[in-house]
Amino acid sequence: ENFIIHKYDLGLIEKPRYGKFNLDYCKRVGKPSTFDKV
């Protein structure tokens, strides 16, 4: 399976600021198990 990893998850760069966008929330909501159920 091919996938994408953020560099800041590996500690290579500082966590970028997205303003009001919350990436951690999106990670919780978008788990693949949820997609499989849908």
All heavy atoms as atom14 arrays in JSON, in Angstrom:
{
  "sequence": "ENFIIHKYDLGLIEKPRYGKFNLDYCKRVGKPSTFDKV",
  "atom14_mask": [
    [1, 1, 1, 1, 1, 1, 1, 1, 1, 0, 0, 0, 0, 0],
    [1, 1, 1, 1, 1, 1, 1, 1, 0, 0, 0, 0, 0, 0],
    [1, 1, 1, 1, 1, 1, 1, 1, 1, 1, 1, 0, 0, 0],
    [1, 1, 1, 1, 1, 1, 1, 1, 0, 0, 0, 0, 0, 0],
    [1, 1, 1, 1, 1, 1, 1, 1, 0, 0, 0, 0, 0, 0],
    [1, 1, 1, 1, 1, 1, 1, 1, 1, 1, 0, 0, 0, 0],
    [1, 1, 1, 1, 1, 1, 1, 1, 1, 0, 0, 0, 0, 0],
    [1, 1, 1, 1, 1, 1, 1, 1, 1, 1, 1, 1, 0, 0],
    [1, 1, 1, 1, 1, 1, 1, 1, 0, 0, 0, 0, 0, 0],
    [1, 1, 1, 1, 1, 1, 1, 1, 0, 0, 0, 0, 0, 0],
    [1, 1, 1, 1, 0, 0, 0, 0, 0, 0, 0, 0, 0, 0],
    [1, 1, 1, 1, 1, 1, 1, 1, 0, 0, 0, 0, 0, 0],
    [1, 1, 1, 1, 1, 1, 1, 1, 0, 0, 0, 0, 0, 0],
    [1, 1, 1, 1, 1, 1, 1, 1, 1, 0, 0, 0, 0, 0],
    [1, 1, 1, 1, 1, 1, 1, 1, 1, 0, 0, 0, 0, 0],
    [1, 1, 1, 1, 1, 1, 1, 0, 0, 0, 0, 0, 0, 0],
    [1, 1, 1, 1, 1, 1, 1, 1, 1, 1, 1, 0, 0, 0],
    [1, 1, 1, 1, 1, 1, 1, 1, 1, 1, 1, 1, 0, 0],
    [1, 1, 1, 1, 0, 0, 0, 0, 0, 0, 0, 0, 0, 0],
    [1, 1, 1, 1, 1, 1, 1, 1, 1, 0, 0, 0, 0, 0],
    [1, 1, 1, 1, 1, 1, 1, 1, 1, 1, 1, 0, 0, 0],
    [1, 1, 1, 1, 1, 1, 1, 1, 0, 0, 0, 0, 0, 0],
    [1, 1, 1, 1, 1, 1, 1, 1, 0, 0, 0, 0, 0, 0],
    [1, 1, 1, 1, 1, 1, 1, 1, 0, 0, 0, 0, 0, 0],
    [1, 1, 1, 1, 1, 1, 1, 1, 1, 1, 1, 1, 0, 0],
    [1, 1, 1, 1, 1, 1, 0, 0, 0, 0, 0, 0, 0, 0],
    [1, 1, 1, 1, 1, 1, 1, 1, 1, 0, 0, 0, 0, 0],
    [1, 1, 1, 1, 1, 1, 1, 1, 1, 1, 1, 0, 0, 0],
    [1, 1, 1, 1, 1, 1, 1, 0, 0, 0, 0, 0, 0, 0],
    [1, 1, 1, 1, 0, 0, 0, 0, 0, 0, 0, 0, 0, 0],
    [1, 1, 1, 1, 1, 1, 1, 1, 1, 0, 0, 0, 0, 0],
    [1, 1, 1, 1, 1, 1, 1, 0, 0, 0, 0, 0, 0, 0],
    [1, 1, 1, 1, 1, 1, 0, 0, 0, 0, 0, 0, 0, 0],
    [1, 1, 1, 1, 1, 1, 1, 0, 0, 0, 0, 0, 0, 0],
    [1, 1, 1, 1, 1, 1, 1, 1, 1, 1, 1, 0, 0, 0],
    [1, 1, 1, 1, 1, 1, 1, 1, 0, 0, 0, 0, 0, 0],
    [1, 1, 1, 1, 1, 1, 1, 1, 1, 0, 0, 0, 0, 0],
    [1, 1, 1, 1, 1, 1, 1, 0, 0, 0, 0, 0, 0, 0]
  ],
  "atom14_positions": [
    [[0.83, -1.2, 0.0], [0.0, 0.0, 0.0], [0.88, 1.25, 0.0], [1.87, 1.33, 0.73], [-0.88, -0.01, 1.25], [-1.72, 1.21, 1.42], [-2.44, 1.22, 2.77], [-2.24, 0.31, 3.58], [-3.21, 2.16, 2.99], [0.0, 0.0, 0.0], [0.0, 0.0, 0.0], [0.0, 0.0, 0.0], [0.0, 0.0, 0.0], [0.0, 0.0, 0.0]],
    [[0.54, 2.23, -0.82], [1.24, 3.52, -0.83], [0.5, 4.5, 0.06], [-0.73, 4.52, 0.07], [1.33, 4.07, -2.25], [2.18, 3.2, -3.15], [3.04, 2.47, -2.67], [1.94, 3.27, -4.43], [0.0, 0.0, 0.0], [0.0, 0.0, 0.0], [0.0, 0.0, 0.0], [0.0, 0.0, 0.0], [0.0, 0.0, 0.0], [0.0, 0.0, 0.0]],
    [[1.25, 5.33, 0.77], [0.64, 6.3, 1.68], [1.56, 7.49, 1.84], [2.69, 7.49, 1.38], [0.32, 5.66, 3.03], [1.5, 5.01, 3.69], [2.28, 5.72, 4.57], [1.84, 3.7, 3.4], [3.37, 5.13, 5.18], [2.93, 3.1, 4.0], [3.7, 3.82, 4.89], [0.0, 0.0, 0.0], [0.0, 0.0, 0.0], [0.0, 0.0, 0.0]],
    [[1.06, 8.52, 2.52], [1.8, 9.77, 2.73], [2.05, 9.95, 4.22], [1.18, 9.69, 5.04], [1.01, 10.96, 2.16], [0.88, 10.81, 0.65], [1.66, 12.28, 2.52], [0.03, 11.85, -0.01], [0.0, 0.0, 0.0], [0.0, 0.0, 0.0], [0.0, 0.0, 0.0], [0.0, 0.0, 0.0], [0.0, 0.0, 0.0], [0.0, 0.0, 0.0]],
    [[3.24, 10.44, 4.54], [3.63, 10.73, 5.92], [4.04, 12.19, 5.98], [4.78, 12.67, 5.12], [4.84, 9.87, 6.35], [4.57, 8.4, 6.11], [5.19, 10.13, 7.8], [5.8, 7.54, 6.23], [0.0, 0.0, 0.0], [0.0, 0.0, 0.0], [0.0, 0.0, 0.0], [0.0, 0.0, 0.0], [0.0, 0.0, 0.0], [0.0, 0.0, 0.0]],
    [[3.58, 12.9, 7.0], [4.03, 14.28, 7.21], [5.42, 14.24, 7.83], [5.71, 13.44, 8.71], [3.09, 15.03, 8.15], [1.87, 15.53, 7.48], [1.9, 16.59, 6.6], [0.58, 15.14, 7.55], [0.68, 16.81, 6.16], [-0.15, 15.93, 6.72], [0.0, 0.0, 0.0], [0.0, 0.0, 0.0], [0.0, 0.0, 0.0], [0.0, 0.0, 0.0]],
    [[6.29, 15.14, 7.39], [7.65, 15.2, 7.93], [7.66, 15.55, 9.41], [8.5, 15.07, 10.16], [8.5, 16.21, 7.16], [8.99, 15.69, 5.84], [9.94, 16.7, 5.21], [10.51, 16.19, 3.92], [11.41, 17.18, 3.29], [0.0, 0.0, 0.0], [0.0, 0.0, 0.0], [0.0, 0.0, 0.0], [0.0, 0.0, 0.0], [0.0, 0.0, 0.0]],
    [[6.71, 16.37, 9.86], [6.72, 16.73, 11.27], [6.29, 15.56, 12.16], [6.61, 15.53, 13.33], [5.9, 17.99, 11.56], [4.41, 17.86, 11.36], [3.59, 17.31, 12.32], [3.84, 18.33, 10.2], [2.24, 17.21, 12.12], [2.49, 18.23, 9.99], [1.69, 17.67, 10.96], [0.35, 17.56, 10.76], [0.0, 0.0, 0.0], [0.0, 0.0, 0.0]],
    [[5.59, 14.56, 11.62], [5.28, 13.36, 12.39], [6.55, 12.56, 12.66], [6.64, 11.84, 13.65], [4.27, 12.48, 11.65], [2.86, 13.04, 11.71], [2.6, 13.88, 12.59], [2.04, 12.64, 10.87], [0.0, 0.0, 0.0], [0.0, 0.0, 0.0], [0.0, 0.0, 0.0], [0.0, 0.0, 0.0], [0.0, 0.0, 0.0], [0.0, 0.0, 0.0]],
    [[7.54, 12.68, 11.78], [8.83, 12.0, 11.97], [9.82, 12.87, 12.74], [10.9, 12.42, 13.08], [9.44, 11.63, 10.61], [8.63, 10.65, 9.77], [9.3, 10.48, 8.42], [8.5, 9.32, 10.46], [0.0, 0.0, 0.0], [0.0, 0.0, 0.0], [0.0, 0.0, 0.0], [0.0, 0.0, 0.0], [0.0, 0.0, 0.0], [0.0, 0.0, 0.0]],
    [[9.47, 14.13, 12.98], [10.35, 15.03, 13.7], [11.38, 15.71, 12.81], [12.38, 16.22, 13.3], [0.0, 0.0, 0.0], [0.0, 0.0, 0.0], [0.0, 0.0, 0.0], [0.0, 0.0, 0.0], [0.0, 0.0, 0.0], [0.0, 0.0, 0.0], [0.0, 0.0, 0.0], [0.0, 0.0, 0.0], [0.0, 0.0, 0.0], [0.0, 0.0, 0.0]],
    [[11.15, 15.74, 11.51], [12.11, 16.34, 10.59], [11.96, 17.85, 10.48], [12.92, 18.55, 10.2], [11.98, 15.7, 9.2], [12.26, 14.2, 9.15], [11.99, 13.68, 7.75], [13.69, 13.92, 9.53], [0.0, 0.0, 0.0], [0.0, 0.0, 0.0], [0.0, 0.0, 0.0], [0.0, 0.0, 0.0], [0.0, 0.0, 0.0], [0.0, 0.0, 0.0]],
    [[10.73, 18.36, 10.66], [10.48, 19.81, 10.61], [9.52, 20.16, 11.74], [8.88, 19.29, 12.33], [9.88, 20.26, 9.25], [8.55, 19.57, 8.97], [10.86, 20.04, 8.12], [7.83, 20.09, 7.73], [0.0, 0.0, 0.0], [0.0, 0.0, 0.0], [0.0, 0.0, 0.0], [0.0, 0.0, 0.0], [0.0, 0.0, 0.0], [0.0, 0.0, 0.0]],
    [[9.4, 21.46, 12.02], [8.43, 21.92, 13.01], [7.02, 21.8, 12.46], [6.81, 21.88, 11.26], [8.7, 23.37, 13.39], [9.95, 23.57, 14.19], [10.11, 25.01, 14.62], [9.09, 25.73, 14.71], [11.25, 25.4, 14.86], [0.0, 0.0, 0.0], [0.0, 0.0, 0.0], [0.0, 0.0, 0.0], [0.0, 0.0, 0.0], [0.0, 0.0, 0.0]],
    [[6.06, 21.66, 13.35], [4.67, 21.54, 12.93], [4.19, 22.85, 12.32], [4.26, 23.9, 12.97], [3.79, 21.16, 14.12], [2.4, 20.77, 13.74], [1.66, 20.17, 14.91], [0.3, 19.71, 14.49], [-0.41, 19.03, 15.55], [0.0, 0.0, 0.0], [0.0, 0.0, 0.0], [0.0, 0.0, 0.0], [0.0, 0.0, 0.0], [0.0, 0.0, 0.0]],
    [[3.71, 22.81, 11.07], [3.24, 24.05, 10.44], [1.91, 24.53, 11.04], [1.14, 23.74, 11.58], [3.05, 23.66, 8.98], [2.89, 22.2, 8.98], [3.61, 21.67, 10.18], [0.0, 0.0, 0.0], [0.0, 0.0, 0.0], [0.0, 0.0, 0.0], [0.0, 0.0, 0.0], [0.0, 0.0, 0.0], [0.0, 0.0, 0.0], [0.0, 0.0, 0.0]],
    [[1.65, 25.8, 10.92], [0.4, 26.39, 11.42], [-0.55, 26.58, 10.24], [-0.2, 27.19, 9.24], [0.68, 27.71, 12.1], [1.75, 27.59, 13.15], [1.51, 28.56, 14.27], [2.59, 28.61, 15.22], [2.84, 27.69, 16.13], [2.1, 26.63, 16.21], [3.85, 27.83, 16.98], [0.0, 0.0, 0.0], [0.0, 0.0, 0.0], [0.0, 0.0, 0.0]],
    [[-1.77, 26.06, 10.37], [-2.76, 26.12, 9.3], [-3.87, 27.11, 9.59], [-4.87, 27.12, 8.91], [-3.38, 24.74, 9.07], [-2.41, 23.72, 8.56], [-2.05, 22.64, 9.35], [-1.86, 23.82, 7.29], [-1.17, 21.69, 8.88], [-0.99, 22.87, 6.82], [-0.64, 21.81, 7.62], [0.23, 20.87, 7.15], [0.0, 0.0, 0.0], [0.0, 0.0, 0.0]],
    [[-3.77, 27.91, 10.63], [-4.86, 28.82, 10.99], [-5.94, 28.05, 11.73], [-5.67, 27.39, 12.72], [0.0, 0.0, 0.0], [0.0, 0.0, 0.0], [0.0, 0.0, 0.0], [0.0, 0.0, 0.0], [0.0, 0.0, 0.0], [0.0, 0.0, 0.0], [0.0, 0.0, 0.0], [0.0, 0.0, 0.0], [0.0, 0.0, 0.0], [0.0, 0.0, 0.0]],
    [[-7.18, 28.09, 11.26], [-8.29, 27.42, 11.94], [-8.4, 25.94, 11.57], [-9.15, 25.21, 12.19], [-9.6, 28.13, 11.61], [-9.68, 29.51, 12.18], [-11.02, 30.15, 11.92], [-11.08, 31.52, 12.55], [-12.37, 32.17, 12.34], [0.0, 0.0, 0.0], [0.0, 0.0, 0.0], [0.0, 0.0, 0.0], [0.0, 0.0, 0.0], [0.0, 0.0, 0.0]],
    [[-7.67, 25.49, 10.55], [-7.72, 24.09, 10.13], [-7.02, 23.22, 11.17], [-5.9, 23.5, 11.58], [-7.03, 23.93, 8.78], [-7.0, 22.52, 8.28], [-8.14, 21.93, 7.79], [-5.83, 21.79, 8.31], [-8.12, 20.62, 7.34], [-5.8, 20.49, 7.86], [-6.95, 19.91, 7.37], [0.0, 0.0, 0.0], [0.0, 0.0, 0.0], [0.0, 0.0, 0.0]],
    [[-7.67, 22.16, 11.63], [-7.12, 21.3, 12.67], [-6.81, 19.93, 12.07], [-7.7, 19.09, 11.91], [-8.12, 21.18, 13.82], [-7.55, 20.43, 15.0], [-6.48, 19.85, 14.92], [-8.27, 20.45, 16.1], [0.0, 0.0, 0.0], [0.0, 0.0, 0.0], [0.0, 0.0, 0.0], [0.0, 0.0, 0.0], [0.0, 0.0, 0.0], [0.0, 0.0, 0.0]],
    [[-5.55, 19.67, 11.74], [-5.16, 18.42, 11.11], [-5.35, 17.23, 12.05], [-5.75, 16.15, 11.62], [-3.71, 18.51, 10.64], [-3.19, 17.29, 9.89], [-4.0, 17.09, 8.61], [-1.73, 17.43, 9.59], [0.0, 0.0, 0.0], [0.0, 0.0, 0.0], [0.0, 0.0, 0.0], [0.0, 0.0, 0.0], [0.0, 0.0, 0.0], [0.0, 0.0, 0.0]],
    [[-5.08, 17.41, 13.34], [-5.23, 16.31, 14.28], [-6.69, 15.83, 14.34], [-6.96, 14.64, 14.43], [-4.75, 16.71, 15.67], [-3.26, 16.98, 15.69], [-2.54, 16.31, 14.93], [-2.82, 17.86, 16.45], [0.0, 0.0, 0.0], [0.0, 0.0, 0.0], [0.0, 0.0, 0.0], [0.0, 0.0, 0.0], [0.0, 0.0, 0.0], [0.0, 0.0, 0.0]],
    [[-7.63, 16.76, 14.29], [-9.05, 16.39, 14.27], [-9.38, 15.6, 13.0], [-10.08, 14.59, 13.05], [-9.93, 17.64, 14.35], [-11.4, 17.35, 14.18], [-12.12, 16.76, 15.22], [-12.05, 17.62, 13.0], [-13.46, 16.47, 15.07], [-13.39, 17.33, 12.83], [-14.09, 16.76, 13.87], [-15.42, 16.46, 13.71], [0.0, 0.0, 0.0], [0.0, 0.0, 0.0]],
    [[-8.83, 16.04, 11.88], [-9.09, 15.34, 10.61], [-8.51, 13.92, 10.63], [-9.08, 13.01, 10.05], [-8.51, 16.12, 9.44], [-9.37, 17.65, 9.14], [0.0, 0.0, 0.0], [0.0, 0.0, 0.0], [0.0, 0.0, 0.0], [0.0, 0.0, 0.0], [0.0, 0.0, 0.0], [0.0, 0.0, 0.0], [0.0, 0.0, 0.0], [0.0, 0.0, 0.0]],
    [[-7.38, 13.74, 11.29], [-6.8, 12.4, 11.4], [-7.73, 11.49, 12.19], [-7.89, 10.32, 11.86], [-5.44, 12.47, 12.1], [-4.33, 12.93, 11.21], [-3.02, 12.85, 11.95], [-1.87, 13.26, 11.1], [-0.59, 13.17, 11.81], [0.0, 0.0, 0.0], [0.0, 0.0, 0.0], [0.0, 0.0, 0.0], [0.0, 0.0, 0.0], [0.0, 0.0, 0.0]],
    [[-8.35, 12.01, 13.26], [-9.25, 11.18, 14.07], [-10.51, 10.83, 13.29], [-11.0, 9.71, 13.36], [-9.63, 11.91, 15.35], [-8.56, 11.97, 16.38], [-9.1, 12.39, 17.74], [-9.94, 13.57, 17.7], [-9.52, 14.82, 17.82], [-8.25, 15.06, 18.01], [-10.37, 15.82, 17.78], [0.0, 0.0, 0.0], [0.0, 0.0, 0.0], [0.0, 0.0, 0.0]],
    [[-11.06, 11.79, 12.55], [-12.31, 11.59, 11.82], [-12.1, 10.69, 10.61], [-12.92, 9.85, 10.3], [-12.9, 12.96, 11.38], [-14.07, 12.77, 10.44], [-13.32, 13.74, 12.59], [0.0, 0.0, 0.0], [0.0, 0.0, 0.0], [0.0, 0.0, 0.0], [0.0, 0.0, 0.0], [0.0, 0.0, 0.0], [0.0, 0.0, 0.0], [0.0, 0.0, 0.0]],
    [[-10.98, 10.83, 9.93], [-10.76, 10.14, 8.66], [-10.05, 8.81, 8.76], [-9.37, 8.42, 7.82], [0.0, 0.0, 0.0], [0.0, 0.0, 0.0], [0.0, 0.0, 0.0], [0.0, 0.0, 0.0], [0.0, 0.0, 0.0], [0.0, 0.0, 0.0], [0.0, 0.0, 0.0], [0.0, 0.0, 0.0], [0.0, 0.0, 0.0], [0.0, 0.0, 0.0]],
    [[-10.18, 8.1, 9.86], [-9.52, 6.79, 9.99], [-10.06, 5.85, 8.92], [-11.25, 5.86, 8.61], [-9.77, 6.2, 11.36], [-9.13, 6.96, 12.47], [-8.18, 6.1, 13.19], [-7.61, 6.89, 14.36], [-6.26, 6.67, 14.57], [0.0, 0.0, 0.0], [0.0, 0.0, 0.0], [0.0, 0.0, 0.0], [0.0, 0.0, 0.0], [0.0, 0.0, 0.0]],
    [[-9.22, 5.01, 8.34], [-9.66, 4.08, 7.28], [-10.79, 3.16, 7.72], [-11.6, 2.77, 6.9], [-8.4, 3.3, 6.97], [-7.3, 4.22, 7.31], [-7.78, 5.01, 8.5], [0.0, 0.0, 0.0], [0.0, 0.0, 0.0], [0.0, 0.0, 0.0], [0.0, 0.0, 0.0], [0.0, 0.0, 0.0], [0.0, 0.0, 0.0], [0.0, 0.0, 0.0]],
    [[-10.87, 2.8, 9.0], [-11.96, 1.94, 9.44], [-13.31, 2.61, 9.2], [-14.28, 1.96, 8.86], [-11.8, 1.58, 10.91], [-11.81, 2.76, 11.7], [0.0, 0.0, 0.0], [0.0, 0.0, 0.0], [0.0, 0.0, 0.0], [0.0, 0.0, 0.0], [0.0, 0.0, 0.0], [0.0, 0.0, 0.0], [0.0, 0.0, 0.0], [0.0, 0.0, 0.0]],
    [[-13.35, 3.94, 9.36], [-14.57, 4.68, 9.09], [-14.92, 4.6, 7.6], [-16.06, 4.39, 7.23], [-14.41, 6.16, 9.49], [-13.99, 6.21, 10.85], [-15.71, 6.91, 9.34], [0.0, 0.0, 0.0], [0.0, 0.0, 0.0], [0.0, 0.0, 0.0], [0.0, 0.0, 0.0], [0.0, 0.0, 0.0], [0.0, 0.0, 0.0], [0.0, 0.0, 0.0]],
    [[-13.91, 4.73, 6.74], [-14.13, 4.64, 5.31], [-14.65, 3.26, 4.92], [-15.52, 3.14, 4.07], [-12.84, 4.93, 4.53], [-12.39, 6.36, 4.64], [-11.07, 6.65, 4.91], [-13.27, 7.41, 4.46], [-10.64, 7.94, 4.99], [-12.86, 8.72, 4.56], [-11.54, 8.98, 4.83], [0.0, 0.0, 0.0], [0.0, 0.0, 0.0], [0.0, 0.0, 0.0]],
    [[-14.11, 2.21, 5.54], [-14.56, 0.86, 5.22], [-16.03, 0.67, 5.58], [-16.79, 0.06, 4.85], [-13.71, -0.18, 5.96], [-12.29, -0.24, 5.42], [-12.07, 0.2, 4.27], [-11.41, -0.7, 6.16], [0.0, 0.0, 0.0], [0.0, 0.0, 0.0], [0.0, 0.0, 0.0], [0.0, 0.0, 0.0], [0.0, 0.0, 0.0], [0.0, 0.0, 0.0]],
    [[-16.44, 1.22, 6.72], [-17.85, 1.12, 7.12], [-18.74, 1.86, 6.14], [-19.8, 1.36, 5.76], [-18.03, 1.69, 8.52], [-17.41, 0.84, 9.61], [-17.55, 1.51, 10.95], [-16.8, 0.74, 12.02], [-16.79, 1.43, 13.3], [0.0, 0.0, 0.0], [0.0, 0.0, 0.0], [0.0, 0.0, 0.0], [0.0, 0.0, 0.0], [0.0, 0.0, 0.0]],
    [[-18.33, 3.04, 5.72], [-19.13, 3.82, 4.77], [-19.19, 3.1, 3.43], [-20.25, 2.99, 2.82], [-18.55, 5.24, 4.61], [-19.21, 5.97, 3.46], [-18.7, 6.01, 5.9], [0.0, 0.0, 0.0], [0.0, 0.0, 0.0], [0.0, 0.0, 0.0], [0.0, 0.0, 0.0], [0.0, 0.0, 0.0], [0.0, 0.0, 0.0], [0.0, 0.0, 0.0]]
  ]
}
